[in-house]
Amino acid sequence: MKKDYADMILNNKTEFEKIHNENNDMDISEADFSHSTIEDMDFTNVDFSGSTFLEATISNIDFTDCDLTSVDFSRATLTECNFSGSILNGTNFNYATVNYCNFSEADMAGCNLSEANLENSDFSTSENLDSCRFDESTIWPETEKLPEDFDCTYNYDLSSLREEDEQSEMY
């Protein structure tokens, strides 16, 4: 069934939307959407955990309240997507371009944003952004689009496994 849903997303958007309207809690976990183009769809409440969107082009998608745990968006281009209320724990956005996306109240714990371009997206009310991974090459939006207490200049965290002495030498 999961494979059928994934196939409908790619090849029969109308049929998917019909089924999605009837079944609000769909499981499309561990699906492969690599190198695909997905546009103008509503995925509210869909479970995509463990899926991959590697190098995909994704635009105008509503991911509101989705489970995107451990999803791979590496090298993807995401434009005007809504991630409000979604779970993005362990989600990978390495080298992704994320344009004009909304992350209101999205749980970003463990999210990997290394080398990502996030400059036009809104993270101002996202949760646990300070628990994500990023590096000096991550491109952040302006300060008003980030949580008040978030410091995007600090990119060494516990996950980098550096010794305390190594960190102090770097500063």
Protein backbone atom coordinates (compact mmCIF):
# COMPACT_ATOMS: atom_id res chain seq x y z
CA MET A 1 0.00 0.00 0.00
CA LYS A 2 2.85 2.42 0.86
CA LYS A 3 4.37 1.83 -2.56
CA ASP A 4 1.00 2.53 -4.19
CA TYR A 5 0.71 5.85 -2.35
CA ALA A 6 4.23 6.84 -3.34
CA ASP A 7 3.52 5.92 -6.96
CA MET A 8 0.33 8.03 -6.89
CA ILE A 9 2.25 11.05 -5.56
CA LEU A 10 4.60 10.82 -8.53
CA ASN A 11 2.19 9.74 -11.25
CA ASN A 12 -1.44 10.35 -10.27
CA LYS A 13 -1.75 13.39 -8.03
CA THR A 14 -5.55 13.56 -8.36
CA GLU A 15 -6.03 9.98 -7.14
CA PHE A 16 -3.65 10.56 -4.22
CA GLU A 17 -5.51 13.72 -3.18
CA LYS A 18 -8.83 11.83 -3.26
CA ILE A 19 -7.49 9.05 -1.01
CA HIS A 20 -5.71 11.53 1.26
CA ASN A 21 -8.95 13.46 1.80
CA GLU A 22 -10.65 10.23 2.90
CA ASN A 23 -7.75 8.95 5.04
CA ASN A 24 -6.12 11.70 7.08
CA ASP A 25 -3.38 9.53 8.67
CA MET A 26 -1.42 7.96 5.83
CA ASP A 27 1.77 5.95 6.26
CA ILE A 28 4.22 6.48 3.41
CA SER A 29 7.31 5.80 5.51
CA GLU A 30 10.57 4.66 3.93
CA ALA A 31 9.49 5.69 0.42
CA ASP A 32 12.02 6.76 -2.20
CA PHE A 33 11.32 10.04 -3.99
CA SER A 34 14.94 10.65 -5.04
CA HIS A 35 15.47 12.85 -8.09
CA SER A 36 11.73 13.50 -8.46
CA THR A 37 9.71 16.69 -8.88
CA ILE A 38 6.75 17.11 -6.54
CA GLU A 39 4.58 20.23 -6.72
CA ASP A 40 1.34 21.70 -5.37
CA MET A 41 0.25 18.96 -2.98
CA ASP A 42 -1.19 18.68 0.53
CA PHE A 43 0.53 16.06 2.70
CA THR A 44 -0.99 17.15 6.04
CA ASN A 45 -0.57 14.43 8.72
CA VAL A 46 1.31 12.01 6.43
CA ASP A 47 4.01 9.79 7.96
CA PHE A 48 7.08 10.04 5.71
CA SER A 49 9.53 8.85 8.39
CA GLY A 50 12.65 7.27 6.91
CA SER A 51 11.80 8.39 3.36
CA THR A 52 14.30 9.93 0.97
CA PHE A 53 13.88 12.99 -1.22
CA LEU A 54 17.55 13.06 -2.28
CA GLU A 55 18.13 15.72 -4.97
CA ALA A 56 14.35 16.17 -5.39
CA THR A 57 12.66 19.40 -6.46
CA ILE A 58 9.79 20.11 -4.11
CA SER A 59 7.57 23.20 -4.32
CA ASN A 60 4.38 24.44 -2.76
CA ILE A 61 3.92 21.37 -0.54
CA ASP A 62 2.00 21.39 2.74
CA PHE A 63 3.85 19.14 5.21
CA THR A 64 1.79 20.44 8.20
CA ASP A 65 1.88 18.02 11.15
CA CYS A 66 3.84 15.38 9.20
CA ASP A 67 6.23 12.88 10.72
CA LEU A 68 9.45 13.58 8.84
CA THR A 69 11.72 11.77 11.30
CA SER A 70 14.99 10.75 9.64
CA VAL A 71 13.86 11.91 6.19
CA ASP A 72 16.69 12.64 3.75
CA PHE A 73 16.31 15.96 1.91
CA SER A 74 20.03 16.04 0.98
CA ARG A 75 20.74 18.25 -2.02
CA ALA A 76 16.99 18.84 -2.51
CA THR A 77 15.48 22.16 -3.55
CA LEU A 78 12.46 23.02 -1.42
CA THR A 79 10.44 26.13 -2.30
CA GLU A 80 7.41 27.57 -0.50
CA CYS A 81 6.79 24.47 1.63
CA ASN A 82 4.95 24.52 4.95
CA PHE A 83 6.51 22.39 7.71
CA SER A 84 4.32 23.81 10.54
CA GLY A 85 4.02 21.44 13.47
CA SER A 86 6.04 18.72 11.76
CA ILE A 87 8.49 16.40 13.48
CA LEU A 88 11.89 16.79 11.84
CA ASN A 89 13.97 14.78 14.35
CA GLY A 90 17.11 13.54 12.63
CA THR A 91 16.01 14.94 9.26
CA ASN A 92 18.87 15.62 6.86
CA PHE A 93 18.95 18.88 4.88
CA ASN A 94 22.67 18.67 3.97
CA TYR A 95 23.45 20.81 0.92
CA ALA A 96 19.71 21.53 0.45
CA THR A 97 18.30 24.84 -0.73
CA VAL A 98 15.28 25.75 1.37
CA ASN A 99 13.49 28.82 -0.08
CA TYR A 100 10.57 30.62 1.56
CA CYS A 101 9.59 27.66 3.74
CA ASN A 102 7.69 27.93 7.03
CA PHE A 103 8.94 25.95 10.05
CA SER A 104 6.46 27.31 12.64
CA GLU A 105 6.46 25.06 15.71
CA ALA A 106 8.31 22.33 13.82
CA ASP A 107 10.48 20.13 16.07
CA MET A 108 14.02 20.45 14.69
CA ALA A 109 15.84 18.31 17.30
CA GLY A 110 18.71 16.39 15.72
CA CYS A 111 18.11 17.93 12.30
CA ASN A 112 21.24 18.22 10.13
CA LEU A 113 21.51 21.58 8.33
CA SER A 114 25.18 21.41 7.31
CA GLU A 115 25.96 23.27 4.08
CA ALA A 116 22.23 24.13 3.67
CA ASN A 117 20.98 27.43 2.25
CA LEU A 118 18.09 28.52 4.49
CA GLU A 119 18.30 32.27 3.89
CA ASN A 120 14.65 32.98 3.00
CA SER A 121 12.86 30.57 5.35
CA ASP A 122 11.14 31.26 8.68
CA PHE A 123 12.36 29.39 11.77
CA SER A 124 11.25 32.07 14.28
CA THR A 125 8.85 29.80 16.19
CA SER A 126 10.50 26.46 15.44
CA GLU A 127 11.35 24.24 18.39
CA ASN A 128 14.74 22.78 19.34
CA LEU A 129 16.67 24.57 16.59
CA ASP A 130 19.54 24.81 19.09
CA SER A 131 19.65 20.97 19.06
CA CYS A 132 20.34 20.70 15.34
CA ARG A 133 23.66 20.29 13.57
CA PHE A 134 25.06 22.94 11.24
CA ASP A 135 28.40 24.27 10.17
CA GLU A 136 30.05 27.51 9.14
CA SER A 137 28.78 27.01 5.57
CA THR A 138 25.10 26.91 6.58
CA ILE A 139 23.40 30.03 5.22
CA TRP A 140 20.86 31.34 7.73
CA PRO A 141 17.91 33.71 7.28
CA GLU A 142 17.90 37.16 8.86
CA THR A 143 17.77 37.28 12.66
CA GLU A 144 14.02 38.04 12.84
CA LYS A 145 13.36 34.69 11.12
CA LEU A 146 15.25 32.77 13.83
CA PRO A 147 14.24 32.03 17.45
CA GLU A 148 15.27 34.86 19.81
CA ASP A 149 17.74 32.75 21.81
CA PHE A 150 19.31 30.95 18.84
CA ASP A 151 22.97 31.61 18.06
CA CYS A 152 23.77 30.56 14.48
CA THR A 153 27.45 31.44 14.94
CA TYR A 154 27.96 28.59 17.43
CA ASN A 155 28.31 25.42 15.41
CA TYR A 156 30.25 23.16 17.75
CA ASP A 157 27.92 21.02 19.83
CA LEU A 158 28.08 17.75 21.72
CA SER A 159 27.53 15.82 18.52
CA SER A 160 30.82 17.05 17.10
CA LEU A 161 32.58 14.92 19.77
CA ARG A 162 35.38 17.42 20.25
CA GLU A 163 37.33 17.43 23.47
CA GLU A 164 36.99 20.54 25.63
CA ASP A 165 40.66 21.44 25.04
CA GLU A 166 40.20 21.23 21.25
CA GLN A 167 37.24 23.61 21.41
CA SER A 168 39.09 26.18 23.50
CA GLU A 169 42.03 26.09 21.06
CA MET A 170 39.67 26.92 18.20
CA TYR A 171 38.46 30.09 19.93
